[in-house]
PDB file of N, CA and C in Angstrom:
ATOM      1  N   MET A   1       7.468  73.861  90.683  1.00  0.00           N
ATOM      2  CA  MET A   1       6.679  72.659  90.569  1.00  0.00           C
ATOM      3  C   MET A   1       7.376  71.531  91.329  1.00  0.00           C
ATOM      4  N   PRO A   2       6.705  70.953  92.282  1.00  0.00           N
ATOM      5  CA  PRO A   2       7.352  69.931  93.093  1.00  0.00           C
ATOM      6  C   PRO A   2       7.546  68.592  92.374  1.00  0.00           C
ATOM      7  N   ASN A   3       6.729  68.297  91.387  1.00  0.00           N
ATOM      8  CA  ASN A   3       6.814  67.013  90.698  1.00  0.00           C
ATOM      9  C   ASN A   3       7.658  67.150  89.426  1.00  0.00           C
ATOM     10  N   PRO A   4       8.766  66.396  89.311  1.00  0.00           N
ATOM     11  CA  PRO A   4       9.624  66.501  88.134  1.00  0.00           C
ATOM     12  C   PRO A   4       8.914  66.168  86.819  1.00  0.00           C
ATOM     13  N   THR A   5       7.989  65.223  86.836  1.00  0.00           N
ATOM     14  CA  THR A   5       7.274  64.873  85.607  1.00  0.00           C
ATOM     15  C   THR A   5       6.396  66.032  85.145  1.00  0.00           C
ATOM     16  N   THR A   6       5.756  66.713  86.085  1.00  0.00           N
ATOM     17  CA  THR A   6       4.946  67.881  85.756  1.00  0.00           C
ATOM     18  C   THR A   6       5.828  68.985  85.192  1.00  0.00           C
ATOM     19  N   ALA A   7       6.985  69.196  85.798  1.00  0.00           N
ATOM     20  CA  ALA A   7       7.917  70.218  85.314  1.00  0.00           C
ATOM     21  C   ALA A   7       8.422  69.873  83.916  1.00  0.00           C
ATOM     22  N   LEU A   8       8.711  68.603  83.675  1.00  0.00           N
ATOM     23  CA  LEU A   8       9.160  68.167  82.342  1.00  0.00           C
ATOM     24  C   LEU A   8       8.090  68.436  81.297  1.00  0.00           C
ATOM     25  N   ASN A   9       6.853  68.070  81.598  1.00  0.00           N
ATOM     26  CA  ASN A   9       5.754  68.308  80.658  1.00  0.00           C
ATOM     27  C   ASN A   9       5.532  69.796  80.415  1.00  0.00           C
ATOM     28  N   ALA A  10       5.664  70.612  81.452  1.00  0.00           N
ATOM     29  CA  ALA A  10       5.498  72.058  81.300  1.00  0.00           C
ATOM     30  C   ALA A  10       6.605  72.636  80.426  1.00  0.00           C
ATOM     31  N   LEU A  11       7.823  72.152  80.579  1.00  0.00           N
ATOM     32  CA  LEU A  11       8.938  72.643  79.770  1.00  0.00           C
ATOM     33  C   LEU A  11       8.776  72.244  78.306  1.00  0.00           C
ATOM     34  N   THR A  12       8.454  70.992  78.053  1.00  0.00           N
ATOM     35  CA  THR A  12       8.350  70.521  76.674  1.00  0.00           C
ATOM     36  C   THR A  12       7.125  71.089  75.954  1.00  0.00           C
ATOM     37  N   SER A  13       6.085  71.457  76.698  1.00  0.00           N
ATOM     38  CA  SER A  13       4.897  72.032  76.062  1.00  0.00           C
ATOM     39  C   SER A  13       4.978  73.548  75.921  1.00  0.00           C
ATOM     40  N   GLY A  14       5.991  74.165  76.521  1.00  0.00           N
ATOM     41  CA  GLY A  14       6.150  75.613  76.415  1.00  0.00           C
ATOM     42  C   GLY A  14       5.474  76.398  77.513  1.00  0.00           C
ATOM     43  N   GLU A  15       4.917  75.727  78.525  1.00  0.00           N
ATOM     44  CA  GLU A  15       4.280  76.434  79.637  1.00  0.00           C
ATOM     45  C   GLU A  15       5.293  77.176  80.492  1.00  0.00           C
ATOM     46  N   VAL A  16       6.504  76.645  80.596  1.00  0.00           N
ATOM     47  CA  VAL A  16       7.594  77.305  81.323  1.00  0.00           C
ATOM     48  C   VAL A  16       8.794  77.401  80.386  1.00  0.00           C
ATOM     49  N   ASP A  17       9.666  78.367  80.660  1.00  0.00           N
ATOM     50  CA  ASP A  17      10.822  78.600  79.803  1.00  0.00           C
ATOM     51  C   ASP A  17      12.133  78.134  80.421  1.00  0.00           C
ATOM     52  N   TYR A  18      12.123  77.779  81.680  1.00  0.00           N
ATOM     53  CA  TYR A  18      13.391  77.505  82.367  1.00  0.00           C
ATOM     54  C   TYR A  18      13.186  76.458  83.447  1.00  0.00           C
ATOM     55  N   TRP A  19      14.144  75.554  83.569  1.00  0.00           N
ATOM     56  CA  TRP A  19      14.109  74.558  84.643  1.00  0.00           C
ATOM     57  C   TRP A  19      15.511  74.432  85.197  1.00  0.00           C
ATOM     58  N   GLU A  20      15.701  74.902  86.412  1.00  0.00           N
ATOM     59  CA  GLU A  20      17.007  74.818  87.049  1.00  0.00           C
ATOM     60  C   GLU A  20      17.082  73.520  87.841  1.00  0.00           C
ATOM     61  N   ASN A  21      18.255  72.935  87.903  1.00  0.00           N
ATOM     62  CA  ASN A  21      18.493  71.686  88.634  1.00  0.00           C
ATOM     63  C   ASN A  21      17.656  70.532  88.099  1.00  0.00           C
ATOM     64  N   LEU A  22      17.744  70.349  86.830  1.00  0.00           N
ATOM     65  CA  LEU A  22      17.071  69.255  86.139  1.00  0.00           C
ATOM     66  C   LEU A  22      17.558  67.910  86.669  1.00  0.00           C
ATOM     67  N   PRO A  23      16.666  66.985  87.024  1.00  0.00           N
ATOM     68  CA  PRO A  23      17.107  65.653  87.427  1.00  0.00           C
ATOM     69  C   PRO A  23      17.886  64.993  86.286  1.00  0.00           C
ATOM     70  N   SER A  24      18.976  64.366  86.613  1.00  0.00           N
ATOM     71  CA  SER A  24      19.876  63.820  85.584  1.00  0.00           C
ATOM     72  C   SER A  24      19.214  62.756  84.712  1.00  0.00           C
ATOM     73  N   ASP A  25      18.144  62.137  85.190  1.00  0.00           N
ATOM     74  CA  ASP A  25      17.446  61.136  84.387  1.00  0.00           C
ATOM     75  C   ASP A  25      16.809  61.746  83.136  1.00  0.00           C
ATOM     76  N   TYR A  26      16.450  63.025  83.198  1.00  0.00           N
ATOM     77  CA  TYR A  26      15.756  63.669  82.086  1.00  0.00           C
ATOM     78  C   TYR A  26      16.694  64.309  81.064  1.00  0.00           C
ATOM     79  N   ALA A  27      17.919  64.584  81.442  1.00  0.00           N
ATOM     80  CA  ALA A  27      18.840  65.308  80.557  1.00  0.00           C
ATOM     81  C   ALA A  27      19.074  64.613  79.216  1.00  0.00           C
ATOM     82  N   PRO A  28      19.345  63.306  79.163  1.00  0.00           N
ATOM     83  CA  PRO A  28      19.609  62.679  77.860  1.00  0.00           C
ATOM     84  C   PRO A  28      18.460  62.821  76.867  1.00  0.00           C
ATOM     85  N   GLY A  29      17.227  62.737  77.318  1.00  0.00           N
ATOM     86  CA  GLY A  29      16.088  62.872  76.421  1.00  0.00           C
ATOM     87  C   GLY A  29      15.877  64.295  75.937  1.00  0.00           C
ATOM     88  N   LEU A  30      16.162  65.266  76.797  1.00  0.00           N
ATOM     89  CA  LEU A  30      15.959  66.663  76.415  1.00  0.00           C
ATOM     90  C   LEU A  30      17.036  67.186  75.477  1.00  0.00           C
ATOM     91  N   VAL A  31      18.194  66.571  75.474  1.00  0.00           N
ATOM     92  CA  VAL A  31      19.276  66.994  74.574  1.00  0.00           C
ATOM     93  C   VAL A  31      18.835  66.889  73.119  1.00  0.00           C
ATOM     94  N   HIS A  32      17.982  65.935  72.819  1.00  0.00           N
ATOM     95  CA  HIS A  32      17.555  65.694  71.438  1.00  0.00           C
ATOM     96  C   HIS A  32      16.364  66.564  71.008  1.00  0.00           C
ATOM     97  N   ASP A  33      15.793  67.339  71.935  1.00  0.00           N
ATOM     98  CA  ASP A  33      14.667  68.218  71.609  1.00  0.00           C
ATOM     99  C   ASP A  33      15.227  69.528  71.059  1.00  0.00           C
ATOM    100  N   SER A  34      14.900  69.855  69.816  1.00  0.00           N
ATOM    101  CA  SER A  34      15.463  71.044  69.171  1.00  0.00           C
ATOM    102  C   SER A  34      14.952  72.349  69.781  1.00  0.00           C
ATOM    103  N   ASN A  35      13.878  72.313  70.541  1.00  0.00           N
ATOM    104  CA  ASN A  35      13.338  73.515  71.173  1.00  0.00           C
ATOM    105  C   ASN A  35      13.927  73.794  72.551  1.00  0.00           C
ATOM    106  N   ILE A  36      14.761  72.884  73.024  1.00  0.00           N
ATOM    107  CA  ILE A  36      15.307  73.002  74.378  1.00  0.00           C
ATOM    108  C   ILE A  36      16.824  72.974  74.312  1.00  0.00           C
ATOM    109  N   THR A  37      17.442  73.870  75.061  1.00  0.00           N
ATOM    110  CA  THR A  37      18.893  73.901  75.169  1.00  0.00           C
ATOM    111  C   THR A  37      19.278  73.411  76.555  1.00  0.00           C
ATOM    112  N   VAL A  38      20.100  72.404  76.619  1.00  0.00           N
ATOM    113  CA  VAL A  38      20.598  71.894  77.891  1.00  0.00           C
ATOM    114  C   VAL A  38      21.990  72.470  78.090  1.00  0.00           C
ATOM    115  N   THR A  39      22.185  73.171  79.187  1.00  0.00           N
ATOM    116  CA  THR A  39      23.483  73.777  79.474  1.00  0.00           C
ATOM    117  C   THR A  39      24.055  73.185  80.748  1.00  0.00           C
ATOM    118  N   SER A  40      25.331  73.325  80.902  1.00  0.00           N
ATOM    119  CA  SER A  40      26.040  72.798  82.058  1.00  0.00           C
ATOM    120  C   SER A  40      26.588  73.960  82.869  1.00  0.00           C
ATOM    121  N   ARG A  41      26.362  73.913  84.176  1.00  0.00           N
ATOM    122  CA  ARG A  41      26.898  74.946  85.058  1.00  0.00           C
ATOM    123  C   ARG A  41      27.575  74.281  86.240  1.00  0.00           C
ATOM    124  N   ALA A  42      28.760  74.708  86.532  1.00  0.00           N
ATOM    125  CA  ALA A  42      29.475  74.184  87.696  1.00  0.00           C
ATOM    126  C   ALA A  42      28.833  74.744  88.964  1.00  0.00           C
ATOM    127  N   GLY A  43      28.999  74.049  90.044  1.00  0.00           N
ATOM    128  CA  GLY A  43      28.518  74.618  91.290  1.00  0.00           C
ATOM    129  C   GLY A  43      27.940  73.628  92.272  1.00  0.00           C
ATOM    130  N   PHE A  44      27.519  72.466  91.850  1.00  0.00           N
ATOM    131  CA  PHE A  44      26.940  71.505  92.784  1.00  0.00           C
ATOM    132  C   PHE A  44      28.061  70.690  93.420  1.00  0.00           C
ATOM    133  N   ILE A  45      28.081  70.664  94.721  1.00  0.00           N
ATOM    134  CA  ILE A  45      29.077  69.881  95.439  1.00  0.00           C
ATOM    135  C   ILE A  45      28.320  68.926  96.347  1.00  0.00           C
ATOM    136  N   GLY A  46      28.470  67.634  96.095  1.00  0.00           N
ATOM    137  CA  GLY A  46      27.829  66.641  96.936  1.00  0.00           C
ATOM    138  C   GLY A  46      28.846  66.024  97.873  1.00  0.00           C
ATOM    139  N   THR A  47      28.443  65.771  99.091  1.00  0.00           N
ATOM    140  CA  THR A  47      29.347  65.138 100.045  1.00  0.00           C
ATOM    141  C   THR A  47      28.623  64.021 100.785  1.00  0.00           C
ATOM    142  N   VAL A  48      29.380  63.043 101.167  1.00  0.00           N
ATOM    143  CA  VAL A  48      28.894  61.965 102.014  1.00  0.00           C
ATOM    144  C   VAL A  48      29.881  61.859 103.160  1.00  0.00           C
ATOM    145  N   ARG A  49      29.381  61.846 104.369  1.00  0.00           N
ATOM    146  CA  ARG A  49      30.290  61.731 105.504  1.00  0.00           C
ATOM    147  C   ARG A  49      29.676  60.854 106.581  1.00  0.00           C
ATOM    148  N   PHE A  50      30.538  60.314 107.389  1.00  0.00           N
ATOM    149  CA  PHE A  50      30.123  59.422 108.459  1.00  0.00           C
ATOM    150  C   PHE A  50      29.701  60.221 109.688  1.00  0.00           C
ATOM    151  N   ASN A  51      28.728  59.713 110.420  1.00  0.00           N
ATOM    152  CA  ASN A  51      28.388  60.269 111.719  1.00  0.00           C
ATOM    153  C   ASN A  51      29.244  59.524 112.734  1.00  0.00           C
ATOM    154  N   GLN A  52      30.310  60.166 113.160  1.00  0.00           N
ATOM    155  CA  GLN A  52      31.296  59.528 114.039  1.00  0.00           C
ATOM    156  C   GLN A  52      30.825  59.364 115.473  1.00  0.00           C
ATOM    157  N   LEU A  53      29.661  59.893 115.750  1.00  0.00           N
ATOM    158  CA  LEU A  53      29.171  59.826 117.124  1.00  0.00           C
ATOM    159  C   LEU A  53      28.467  58.517 117.439  1.00  0.00           C
ATOM    160  N   HIS A  54      28.052  57.778 116.406  1.00  0.00           N
ATOM    161  CA  HIS A  54      27.248  56.583 116.621  1.00  0.00           C
ATOM    162  C   HIS A  54      27.881  55.365 115.943  1.00  0.00           C
ATOM    163  N   PRO A  55      27.695  54.179 116.576  1.00  0.00           N
ATOM    164  CA  PRO A  55      28.199  52.956 115.963  1.00  0.00           C
ATOM    165  C   PRO A  55      27.522  52.706 114.616  1.00  0.00           C
ATOM    166  N   PRO A  56      28.167  52.053 113.710  1.00  0.00           N
ATOM    167  CA  PRO A  56      29.511  51.491 113.806  1.00  0.00           C
ATOM    168  C   PRO A  56      30.602  52.489 113.423  1.00  0.00           C
ATOM    169  N   PHE A  57      30.214  53.707 113.024  1.00  0.00           N
ATOM    170  CA  PHE A  57      31.213  54.632 112.506  1.00  0.00           C
ATOM    171  C   PHE A  57      31.932  55.419 113.586  1.00  0.00           C
ATOM    172  N   ASP A  58      31.658  55.144 114.845  1.00  0.00           N
ATOM    173  CA  ASP A  58      32.468  55.714 115.913  1.00  0.00           C
ATOM    174  C   ASP A  58      33.805  54.979 116.009  1.00  0.00           C
ATOM    175  N   ASN A  59      33.913  53.863 115.312  1.00  0.00           N
ATOM    176  CA  ASN A  59      35.150  53.080 115.257  1.00  0.00           C
ATOM    177  C   ASN A  59      35.939  53.481 114.006  1.00  0.00           C
ATOM    178  N   MET A  60      37.133  54.030 114.203  1.00  0.00           N
ATOM    179  CA  MET A  60      37.933  54.497 113.082  1.00  0.00           C
ATOM    180  C   MET A  60      38.248  53.371 112.091  1.00  0.00           C
ATOM    181  N   LYS A  61      38.439  52.165 112.559  1.00  0.00           N
ATOM    182  CA  LYS A  61      38.714  51.033 111.662  1.00  0.00           C
ATOM    183  C   LYS A  61      37.543  50.781 110.711  1.00  0.00           C
ATOM    184  N   MET A  62      36.331  50.963 111.183  1.00  0.00           N
ATOM    185  CA  MET A  62      35.153  50.785 110.324  1.00  0.00           C
ATOM    186  C   MET A  62      35.124  51.861 109.239  1.00  0.00           C
ATOM    187  N   ARG A  63      35.398  53.102 109.620  1.00  0.00           N
ATOM    188  CA  ARG A  63      35.418  54.185 108.628  1.00  0.00           C
ATOM    189  C   ARG A  63      36.495  53.928 107.582  1.00  0.00           C
ATOM    190  N   GLN A  64      37.654  53.488 108.009  1.00  0.00           N
ATOM    191  CA  GLN A  64      38.735  53.191 107.070  1.00  0.00           C
ATOM    192  C   GLN A  64      38.368  52.034 106.143  1.00  0.00           C
ATOM    193  N   ALA A  65      37.671  51.031 106.669  1.00  0.00           N
ATOM    194  CA  ALA A  65      37.259  49.890 105.848  1.00  0.00           C
ATOM    195  C   ALA A  65      36.278  50.318 104.766  1.00  0.00           C
ATOM    196  N   VAL A  66      35.309  51.154 105.120  1.00  0.00           N
ATOM    197  CA  VAL A  66      34.334  51.626 104.129  1.00  0.00           C
ATOM    198  C   VAL A  66      35.029  52.467 103.067  1.00  0.00           C
ATOM    199  N   LEU A  67      35.909  53.359 103.479  1.00  0.00           N
ATOM    200  CA  LEU A  67      36.623  54.197 102.513  1.00  0.00           C
ATOM    201  C   LEU A  67      37.506  53.371 101.580  1.00  0.00           C
ATOM    202  N   ALA A  68      38.004  52.244 102.075  1.00  0.00           N
ATOM    203  CA  ALA A  68      38.861  51.391 101.241  1.00  0.00           C
ATOM    204  C   ALA A  68      38.081  50.722 100.113  1.00  0.00           C
ATOM    205  N   VAL A  69      36.791  50.473 100.320  1.00  0.00           N
ATOM    206  CA  VAL A  69      35.994  49.786  99.289  1.00  0.00           C
ATOM    207  C   VAL A  69      35.029  50.706  98.553  1.00  0.00           C
ATOM    208  N   ALA A  70      34.845  51.922  99.043  1.00  0.00           N
ATOM    209  CA  ALA A  70      33.924  52.858  98.388  1.00  0.00           C
ATOM    210  C   ALA A  70      34.569  53.412  97.116  1.00  0.00           C
ATOM    211  N   ASP A  71      33.770  53.547  96.066  1.00  0.00           N
ATOM    212  CA  ASP A  71      34.250  54.086  94.798  1.00  0.00           C
ATOM    213  C   ASP A  71      33.399  55.304  94.442  1.00  0.00           C
ATOM    214  N   GLN A  72      34.033  56.452  94.336  1.00  0.00           N
ATOM    215  CA  GLN A  72      33.311  57.690  94.041  1.00  0.00           C
ATOM    216  C   GLN A  72      32.541  57.579  92.731  1.00  0.00           C
ATOM    217  N   ARG A  73      33.045  56.834  91.780  1.00  0.00           N
ATOM    218  CA  ARG A  73      32.362  56.688  90.485  1.00  0.00           C
ATOM    219  C   ARG A  73      31.001  56.006  90.640  1.00  0.00           C
ATOM    220  N   ASP A  74      30.899  55.028  91.527  1.00  0.00           N
ATOM    221  CA  ASP A  74      29.608  54.364  91.766  1.00  0.00           C
ATOM    222  C   ASP A  74      28.585  55.349  92.327  1.00  0.00           C
ATOM    223  N   TYR A  75      29.023  56.151  93.283  1.00  0.00           N
ATOM    224  CA  TYR A  75      28.133  57.152  93.880  1.00  0.00           C
ATOM    225  C   TYR A  75      27.707  58.184  92.841  1.00  0.00           C
ATOM    226  N   MET A  76      28.650  58.682  92.066  1.00  0.00           N
ATOM    227  CA  MET A  76      28.337  59.709  91.074  1.00  0.00           C
ATOM    228  C   MET A  76      27.407  59.168  89.988  1.00  0.00           C
ATOM    229  N   ALA A  77      27.610  57.934  89.566  1.00  0.00           N
ATOM    230  CA  ALA A  77      26.733  57.334  88.560  1.00  0.00           C
ATOM    231  C   ALA A  77      25.308  57.207  89.097  1.00  0.00           C
ATOM    232  N   ALA A  78      25.172  56.884  90.376  1.00  0.00           N
ATOM    233  CA  ALA A  78      23.842  56.773  90.977  1.00  0.00           C
ATOM    234  C   ALA A  78      23.187  58.148  91.128  1.00  0.00           C
ATOM    235  N   MET A  79      23.959  59.161  91.451  1.00  0.00           N
ATOM    236  CA  MET A  79      23.411  60.495  91.684  1.00  0.00           C
ATOM    237  C   MET A  79      23.200  61.295  90.403  1.00  0.00           C
ATOM    238  N   ALA A  80      24.129  61.185  89.451  1.00  0.00           N
ATOM    239  CA  ALA A  80      24.085  62.056  88.273  1.00  0.00           C
ATOM    240  C   ALA A  80      23.876  61.311  86.965  1.00  0.00           C
ATOM    241  N   GLY A  81      23.811  59.995  87.007  1.00  0.00           N
ATOM    242  CA  GLY A  81      23.519  59.233  85.799  1.00  0.00           C
ATOM    243  C   GLY A  81      24.655  59.224  84.796  1.00  0.00           C
ATOM    244  N   ASP A  82      24.368  59.681  83.612  1.00  0.00           N
ATOM    245  CA  ASP A  82      25.298  59.673  82.492  1.00  0.00           C
ATOM    246  C   ASP A  82      26.645  60.295  82.875  1.00  0.00           C
ATOM    247  N   PRO A  83      27.758  59.614  82.595  1.00  0.00           N
ATOM    248  CA  PRO A  83      29.084  60.159  82.924  1.00  0.00           C
ATOM    249  C   PRO A  83      29.377  61.518  82.281  1.00  0.00           C
ATOM    250  N   VAL A  84      28.612  61.918  81.292  1.00  0.00           N
ATOM    251  CA  VAL A  84      28.780  63.248  80.709  1.00  0.00           C
ATOM    252  C   VAL A  84      28.445  64.317  81.750  1.00  0.00           C
ATOM    253  N   ASN A  85      27.614  63.989  82.724  1.00  0.00           N
ATOM    254  CA  ASN A  85      27.151  64.951  83.723  1.00  0.00           C
ATOM    255  C   ASN A  85      28.053  65.081  84.938  1.00  0.00           C
ATOM    256  N   TRP A  86      29.105  64.303  85.037  1.00  0.00           N
ATOM    257  CA  TRP A  86      29.921  64.348  86.249  1.00  0.00           C
ATOM    258  C   TRP A  86      31.359  63.927  85.975  1.00  0.00           C
ATOM    259  N   ARG A  87      32.211  64.250  86.931  1.00  0.00           N
ATOM    260  CA  ARG A  87      33.597  63.776  86.968  1.00  0.00           C
ATOM    261  C   ARG A  87      33.958  63.518  88.425  1.00  0.00           C
ATOM    262  N   THR A  88      34.847  62.587  88.639  1.00  0.00           N
ATOM    263  CA  THR A  88      35.333  62.374  90.003  1.00  0.00           C
ATOM    264  C   THR A  88      36.300  63.502  90.335  1.00  0.00           C
ATOM    265  N   CYS A  89      36.458  63.749  91.615  1.00  0.00           N
ATOM    266  CA  CYS A  89      37.309  64.845  92.047  1.00  0.00           C
ATOM    267  C   CYS A  89      37.905  64.527  93.410  1.00  0.00           C
ATOM    268  N   PRO A  90      39.211  64.703  93.566  1.00  0.00           N
ATOM    269  CA  PRO A  90      39.835  64.427  94.856  1.00  0.00           C
ATOM    270  C   PRO A  90      39.665  65.550  95.874  1.00  0.00           C
ATOM    271  N   SER A  91      39.137  66.687  95.463  1.00  0.00           N
ATOM    272  CA  SER A  91      39.054  67.855  96.330  1.00  0.00           C
ATOM    273  C   SER A  91      37.702  67.948  97.021  1.00  0.00           C
ATOM    274  N   VAL A  92      37.686  68.477  98.231  1.00  0.00           N
ATOM    275  CA  VAL A  92      36.438  68.766  98.916  1.00  0.00           C
ATOM    276  C   VAL A  92      36.161  70.263  98.897  1.00  0.00           C
ATOM    277  N   LEU A  93      37.011  71.023  98.230  1.00  0.00           N
ATOM    278  CA  LEU A  93      36.864  72.468  98.154  1.00  0.00           C
ATOM    279  C   LEU A  93      36.092  72.861  96.908  1.00  0.00           C
ATOM    280  N   ARG A  94      35.437  73.996  96.966  1.00  0.00           N
ATOM    281  CA  ARG A  94      34.775  74.527  95.780  1.00  0.00           C
ATOM    282  C   ARG A  94      35.852  74.891  94.772  1.00  0.00           C
ATOM    283  N   LEU A  95      35.618  74.530  93.510  1.00  0.00           N
ATOM    284  CA  LEU A  95      36.659  74.684  92.511  1.00  0.00           C
ATOM    285  C   LEU A  95      36.532  75.944  91.677  1.00  0.00           C
ATOM    286  N   ARG A  96      35.351  76.454  91.488  1.00  0.00           N
ATOM    287  CA  ARG A  96      35.159  77.632  90.633  1.00  0.00           C
ATOM    288  C   ARG A  96      34.916  78.868  91.486  1.00  0.00           C
ATOM    289  N   LEU A  97      35.512  79.961  91.081  1.00  0.00           N
ATOM    290  CA  LEU A  97      35.303  81.241  91.735  1.00  0.00           C
ATOM    291  C   LEU A  97      34.548  82.154  90.787  1.00  0.00           C
ATOM    292  N   GLY A  98      34.037  83.260  91.269  1.00  0.00           N
ATOM    293  CA  GLY A  98      33.349  84.208  90.412  1.00  0.00           C
ATOM    294  C   GLY A  98      34.276  84.818  89.366  1.00  0.00           C
ATOM    295  N   SER A  99      33.711  85.461  88.379  1.00  0.00           N
ATOM    296  CA  SER A  99      34.438  86.165  87.310  1.00  0.00           C
ATOM    297  C   SER A  99      35.342  85.248  86.498  1.00  0.00           C
ATOM    298  N   GLY A 100      35.004  83.967  86.408  1.00  0.00           N
ATOM    299  CA  GLY A 100      35.763  83.058  85.568  1.00  0.00           C
ATOM    300  C   GLY A 100      37.076  82.587  86.164  1.00  0.00           C
ATOM    301  N   ARG A 101      37.429  83.060  87.358  1.00  0.00           N
ATOM    302  CA  ARG A 101      38.675  82.608  87.978  1.00  0.00           C
ATOM    303  C   ARG A 101      38.475  81.200  88.522  1.00  0.00           C
ATOM    304  N   THR A 102      39.490  80.390  88.460  1.00  0.00           N
ATOM    305  CA  THR A 102      39.395  79.035  88.999  1.00  0.00           C
ATOM    306  C   THR A 102      40.566  78.751  89.912  1.00  0.00           C
ATOM    307  N   ARG A 103      40.346  77.883  90.835  1.00  0.00           N
ATOM    308  CA  ARG A 103      41.444  77.403  91.668  1.00  0.00           C
ATOM    309  C   ARG A 103      42.224  76.379  90.860  1.00  0.00           C
ATOM    310  N   PRO A 104      43.470  76.127  91.179  1.00  0.00           N
ATOM    311  CA  PRO A 104      44.261  75.153  90.409  1.00  0.00           C
ATOM    312  C   PRO A 104      43.610  73.780  90.319  1.00  0.00           C
ATOM    313  N   ALA A 105      42.902  73.351  91.352  1.00  0.00           N
ATOM    314  CA  ALA A 105      42.273  72.024  91.317  1.00  0.00           C
ATOM    315  C   ALA A 105      41.173  71.938  90.272  1.00  0.00           C
ATOM    316  N   ALA A 106      40.660  73.077  89.802  1.00  0.00           N
ATOM    317  CA  ALA A 106      39.579  73.066  88.817  1.00  0.00           C
ATOM    318  C   ALA A 106      40.015  72.406  87.514  1.00  0.00           C
ATOM    319  N   ARG A 107      41.285  72.456  87.212  1.00  0.00           N
ATOM    320  CA  ARG A 107      41.768  71.799  85.993  1.00  0.00           C
ATOM    321  C   ARG A 107      41.673  70.281  86.132  1.00  0.00           C
ATOM    322  N   LEU A 108      41.701  69.792  87.355  1.00  0.00           N
ATOM    323  CA  LEU A 108      41.632  68.350  87.587  1.00  0.00           C
ATOM    324  C   LEU A 108      40.211  67.823  87.533  1.00  0.00           C
ATOM    325  N   CYS A 109      39.259  68.609  88.031  1.00  0.00           N
ATOM    326  CA  CYS A 109      37.908  68.083  88.158  1.00  0.00           C
ATOM    327  C   CYS A 109      36.857  69.184  88.130  1.00  0.00           C
ATOM    328  N   PRO A 110      36.581  69.757  86.955  1.00  0.00           N
ATOM    329  CA  PRO A 110      35.533  70.773  86.882  1.00  0.00           C
ATOM    330  C   PRO A 110      34.170  70.169  87.152  1.00  0.00           C
ATOM    331  N   GLY A 111      33.313  70.898  87.856  1.00  0.00           N
ATOM    332  CA  GLY A 111      31.968  70.414  88.178  1.00  0.00           C
ATOM    333  C   GLY A 111      31.032  70.543  86.993  1.00  0.00           C
ATOM    334  N   ARG A 112      29.973  69.752  87.008  1.00  0.00           N
ATOM    335  CA  ARG A 112      28.989  69.801  85.927  1.00  0.00           C
ATOM    336  C   ARG A 112      27.601  69.602  86.496  1.00  0.00           C
ATOM    337  N   ALA A 113      26.869  70.668  86.656  1.00  0.00           N
ATOM    338  CA  ALA A 113      25.471  70.575  87.078  1.00  0.00           C
ATOM    339  C   ALA A 113      24.608  70.930  85.873  1.00  0.00           C
ATOM    340  N   THR A 114      23.579  70.188  85.620  1.00  0.00           N
ATOM    341  CA  THR A 114      22.800  70.369  84.387  1.00  0.00           C
ATOM    342  C   THR A 114      21.555  71.218  84.641  1.00  0.00           C
ATOM    343  N   THR A 115      21.333  72.187  83.767  1.00  0.00           N
ATOM    344  CA  THR A 115      20.106  72.966  83.778  1.00  0.00           C
ATOM    345  C   THR A 115      19.574  73.020  82.363  1.00  0.00           C
ATOM    346  N   THR A 116      18.313  73.382  82.189  1.00  0.00           N
ATOM    347  CA  THR A 116      17.767  73.502  80.835  1.00  0.00           C
ATOM    348  C   THR A 116      17.136  74.859  80.664  1.00  0.00           C
ATOM    349  N   ARG A 117      17.125  75.312  79.459  1.00  0.00           N
ATOM    350  CA  ARG A 117      16.497  76.580  79.114  1.00  0.00           C
ATOM    351  C   ARG A 117      15.809  76.414  77.768  1.00  0.00           C
ATOM    352  N   ARG A 118      14.589  76.845  77.679  1.00  0.00           N
ATOM    353  CA  ARG A 118      13.872  76.756  76.417  1.00  0.00           C
ATOM    354  C   ARG A 118      14.416  77.815  75.478  1.00  0.00           C
ATOM    355  N   SER A 119      14.809  77.420  74.279  1.00  0.00           N
ATOM    356  CA  SER A 119      15.360  78.387  73.336  1.00  0.00           C
ATOM    357  C   SER A 119      14.248  79.075  72.579  1.00  0.00           C
ATOM    358  N   GLY A 120      14.577  80.223  72.016  1.00  0.00           N
ATOM    359  CA  GLY A 120      13.602  80.912  71.181  1.00  0.00           C
ATOM    360  C   GLY A 120      13.175  82.114  71.840  1.00  0.00           C
TER     361      GLY A 120
END
């Protein structure tokens, strides 16, 4: 379903049993629904990078200036909403491996992507 509101209504009415990649705006309300289980799965990695080929970011001083004032927490709050859904992380590498193995950096910043599943 392309429309998140339609998907939300389908989930809460029982028309669908599963919604992967739930928009973070809907997670707080669904947590309180006893018929729906909200689970957390690591795996989403978001990145923001400069296009160094075009002004003003072809100038290294400009890139350094933006990085000096940019705060990852502001970006994460805008993208994932509630701080329960995210953590800041200094790594650009994937932190979780298959079979429950983790890289050492995973202890510093485990990922949290929210999905929902209808219980019952």
